[in-house]
Amino acid sequence: MGRVRTHPVTVVAHGAWSAEIDLELSPLILEVWRAGIETIHSCQDVGENIVGLVGELPHLKAVAGRELGRASIGFADLAGLLAFQEALANAGKREGFYERILHWASPDAWQCVIGLRDPGLEAEEASAGSAGSPRSRLTAASFQVRFPRSDVEEATDRLRRHNRREAVPLGRPTWASIAIAGEALRPGAASPGAPPEA
């Protein structure tokens, strides 16, 4: 099978946490850890990372293309993901970057991805030969945020300000990047394909 491409790495350590981190993400991950937020994985470019699998898994070609230029950080729980994005939101102006992390319709919008696992299937595989098949019991296994690689530097700067507890003027968002005929889509607006509210 093809190989997942790995990026150049460096060892990052803070307190009890230490890991090899992709070089471009290492300053950001260090600031995430300094904020007391646990990560479980990261990648500076998801598309580059999976392109080596396309030869044997052709359907990944579209995924690799879609994820090219997008970084990823995985968190141990939803609270960690939310703490990360809230720290970013409160450490700089509510302009384009803020709009990208918050609104699905913004150009280069950040995406949150929940990875699932099936402990029921894992129990079945562990006790091979048992009669019957247990029902699936899905649980959340990881909480990822995927974002433009070009946002790494600003995210790092914002987290540094957060960690130094700097007060910054936030301002009010204009939502200029998502205005349609002068009217901005507000956060909380339904995603494409979402059913209308009754």
Protein backbone atom coordinates (compact mmCIF):
# COMPACT_ATOMS: atom_id res chain seq x y z
CA MET A 1 0.00 0.00 0.00
CA GLY A 2 1.14 3.57 -0.67
CA ARG A 3 2.65 5.57 2.11
CA VAL A 4 1.18 8.51 3.94
CA ARG A 5 3.59 11.35 3.28
CA THR A 6 5.31 12.72 6.33
CA HIS A 7 6.51 16.28 6.65
CA PRO A 8 9.79 17.41 8.21
CA VAL A 9 9.35 17.34 12.00
CA THR A 10 10.91 18.76 15.12
CA VAL A 11 10.51 17.73 18.75
CA VAL A 12 8.28 20.06 20.73
CA ALA A 13 8.03 19.77 24.52
CA HIS A 14 6.07 21.62 27.17
CA GLY A 15 5.41 20.26 30.65
CA ALA A 16 4.24 16.66 30.39
CA TRP A 17 3.69 16.91 26.63
CA SER A 18 6.36 16.05 24.08
CA ALA A 19 6.02 14.90 20.47
CA GLU A 20 7.47 15.12 16.99
CA ILE A 21 5.47 17.89 15.29
CA ASP A 22 5.45 18.97 11.63
CA LEU A 23 7.93 21.82 11.34
CA GLU A 24 5.46 24.47 10.13
CA LEU A 25 3.01 23.67 12.94
CA SER A 26 5.55 23.39 15.76
CA PRO A 27 5.31 27.04 17.01
CA LEU A 28 1.50 26.82 16.98
CA ILE A 29 1.37 23.48 18.83
CA LEU A 30 3.77 24.83 21.46
CA GLU A 31 1.39 27.77 22.06
CA VAL A 32 -1.60 25.39 22.18
CA TRP A 33 0.15 23.38 24.90
CA ARG A 34 1.17 26.56 26.75
CA ALA A 35 -2.56 27.39 26.83
CA GLY A 36 -3.11 24.07 28.62
CA ILE A 37 -4.92 22.46 25.67
CA GLU A 38 -4.08 18.83 24.87
CA THR A 39 -3.63 17.75 21.25
CA ILE A 40 -3.57 14.17 19.96
CA HIS A 41 -2.28 14.73 16.41
CA SER A 42 -1.52 17.42 13.89
CA CYS A 43 -0.53 17.83 10.24
CA GLN A 44 0.71 20.91 8.39
CA ASP A 45 -0.92 19.84 5.10
CA VAL A 46 -3.52 17.06 5.06
CA GLY A 47 -3.69 16.89 1.25
CA GLU A 48 0.05 16.40 0.92
CA ASN A 49 -0.08 13.78 3.65
CA ILE A 50 -2.56 11.48 1.89
CA VAL A 51 -1.64 11.93 -1.79
CA GLY A 52 0.66 8.87 -1.56
CA LEU A 53 -2.39 6.66 -0.98
CA VAL A 54 -4.17 7.66 -4.21
CA GLY A 55 -2.54 4.94 -6.35
CA GLU A 56 -4.21 2.16 -4.36
CA LEU A 57 -7.22 4.10 -3.11
CA PRO A 58 -8.23 6.21 -6.16
CA HIS A 59 -11.24 7.74 -4.41
CA LEU A 60 -8.79 9.65 -2.19
CA LYS A 61 -7.70 11.78 -5.15
CA ALA A 62 -10.64 14.13 -4.63
CA VAL A 63 -10.03 14.19 -0.87
CA ALA A 64 -6.32 14.96 -1.35
CA GLY A 65 -7.22 17.78 -3.75
CA ARG A 66 -9.82 19.21 -1.37
CA GLU A 67 -7.47 19.06 1.63
CA LEU A 68 -4.36 20.36 -0.17
CA GLY A 69 -3.16 23.46 1.67
CA ARG A 70 -5.20 22.68 4.79
CA ALA A 71 -3.60 22.01 8.17
CA SER A 72 -5.19 19.89 10.90
CA ILE A 73 -5.04 19.68 14.68
CA GLY A 74 -6.77 16.93 16.63
CA PHE A 75 -7.91 17.39 20.22
CA ALA A 76 -8.64 14.81 22.90
CA ASP A 77 -12.11 16.18 23.51
CA LEU A 78 -14.62 18.76 22.36
CA ALA A 79 -13.70 21.08 25.24
CA GLY A 80 -10.12 21.28 23.90
CA LEU A 81 -11.27 22.12 20.39
CA LEU A 82 -13.60 24.83 21.68
CA ALA A 83 -10.96 26.27 24.02
CA PHE A 84 -8.53 26.53 21.09
CA GLN A 85 -10.97 28.33 18.82
CA GLU A 86 -12.28 30.58 21.60
CA ALA A 87 -8.71 31.64 22.48
CA LEU A 88 -8.15 32.55 18.82
CA ALA A 89 -11.45 34.44 18.59
CA ASN A 90 -10.65 36.56 21.65
CA ALA A 91 -7.05 37.43 20.73
CA GLY A 92 -7.49 39.60 17.67
CA LYS A 93 -9.85 41.70 15.59
CA ARG A 94 -13.11 40.20 14.41
CA GLU A 95 -12.29 40.46 10.74
CA GLY A 96 -11.42 37.92 8.02
CA PHE A 97 -9.57 35.44 10.27
CA TYR A 98 -12.37 35.53 12.84
CA GLU A 99 -14.96 35.04 10.10
CA ARG A 100 -13.06 32.01 8.77
CA ILE A 101 -12.95 30.27 12.14
CA LEU A 102 -16.60 30.95 12.88
CA HIS A 103 -18.71 30.88 9.73
CA TRP A 104 -19.13 27.95 7.34
CA ALA A 105 -19.77 30.20 4.32
CA SER A 106 -16.62 32.29 4.70
CA PRO A 107 -13.95 31.82 2.03
CA ASP A 108 -11.42 29.26 3.34
CA ALA A 109 -13.69 28.52 6.31
CA TRP A 110 -12.30 26.41 9.13
CA GLN A 111 -13.96 23.01 9.53
CA CYS A 112 -14.55 20.91 12.61
CA VAL A 113 -14.47 17.14 12.09
CA ILE A 114 -15.53 14.51 14.61
CA GLY A 115 -13.89 11.09 14.19
CA LEU A 116 -15.93 8.08 15.31
CA ARG A 117 -15.08 4.62 16.58
CA ASP A 118 -17.20 1.55 17.32
CA PRO A 119 -16.40 -0.08 20.68
CA GLY A 120 -19.05 -2.73 19.92
CA LEU A 121 -17.11 -3.95 16.89
CA GLU A 122 -13.84 -3.77 18.82
CA ALA A 123 -15.33 -5.96 21.57
CA GLU A 124 -16.52 -8.44 18.93
CA GLU A 125 -13.07 -8.62 17.35
CA ALA A 126 -11.44 -9.08 20.76
CA SER A 127 -13.67 -12.07 21.54
CA ALA A 128 -13.48 -13.77 18.13
CA GLY A 129 -15.69 -16.79 17.87
CA SER A 130 -18.43 -15.59 20.20
CA ALA A 131 -21.98 -16.16 19.09
CA GLY A 132 -23.87 -13.27 17.54
CA SER A 133 -22.71 -9.83 16.72
CA PRO A 134 -23.06 -6.96 19.20
CA ARG A 135 -24.81 -3.79 18.15
CA SER A 136 -22.63 -0.87 17.18
CA ARG A 137 -22.08 1.68 19.94
CA LEU A 138 -20.50 4.68 18.27
CA THR A 139 -18.44 7.10 20.31
CA ALA A 140 -16.48 10.20 19.38
CA ALA A 141 -12.79 9.34 19.13
CA SER A 142 -11.26 12.62 17.99
CA PHE A 143 -12.15 16.26 17.49
CA GLN A 144 -10.29 17.93 14.65
CA VAL A 145 -10.12 21.40 13.24
CA ARG A 146 -8.95 21.78 9.64
CA PHE A 147 -7.92 25.20 8.40
CA PRO A 148 -5.91 26.94 5.70
CA ARG A 149 -2.18 26.39 6.05
CA SER A 150 -1.84 30.11 5.36
CA ASP A 151 -3.61 30.81 8.71
CA VAL A 152 -0.94 29.06 10.82
CA GLU A 153 1.11 32.23 11.40
CA GLU A 154 -1.86 34.34 12.50
CA ALA A 155 -3.19 31.54 14.70
CA THR A 156 0.24 31.31 16.37
CA ASP A 157 0.38 35.08 16.93
CA ARG A 158 -3.13 35.10 18.40
CA LEU A 159 -2.35 32.24 20.78
CA ARG A 160 0.82 34.01 21.92
CA ARG A 161 -1.29 37.08 22.76
CA HIS A 162 -3.80 34.83 24.54
CA ASN A 163 -1.04 33.14 26.56
CA ARG A 164 0.42 36.54 27.54
CA ARG A 165 -3.09 37.63 28.53
CA GLU A 166 -2.87 40.67 26.30
CA ALA A 167 -6.01 42.76 26.06
CA VAL A 168 -6.81 43.40 22.42
CA PRO A 169 -9.62 45.44 20.84
CA LEU A 170 -11.99 42.94 19.30
CA GLY A 171 -14.41 45.21 17.49
CA ARG A 172 -17.63 44.08 15.86
CA PRO A 173 -17.52 41.70 12.91
CA THR A 174 -18.72 43.09 9.60
CA TRP A 175 -19.14 39.67 7.93
CA ALA A 176 -17.96 41.41 4.75
CA SER A 177 -16.58 38.16 3.29
CA ILE A 178 -20.03 36.57 3.30
CA ALA A 179 -22.29 39.43 2.25
CA ILE A 180 -24.89 38.66 -0.42
CA ALA A 181 -26.30 41.79 -2.07
CA GLY A 182 -25.10 43.83 0.89
CA GLU A 183 -26.76 41.53 3.46
CA ALA A 184 -24.39 39.37 5.52
CA LEU A 185 -25.20 35.77 6.40
CA ARG A 186 -25.19 35.72 10.18
CA PRO A 187 -23.53 32.98 12.26
CA GLY A 188 -25.97 30.23 12.99
CA ALA A 189 -27.49 30.49 9.52
CA ALA A 190 -28.33 27.04 8.22
CA SER A 191 -25.63 25.14 6.39
CA PRO A 192 -26.32 24.17 2.77
CA GLY A 193 -28.78 21.30 2.70
CA ALA A 194 -29.98 21.88 6.25
CA PRO A 195 -33.76 21.66 6.62
CA PRO A 196 -35.59 24.93 7.29
CA GLU A 197 -36.71 25.53 10.84
CA ALA A 198 -40.35 24.85 11.56
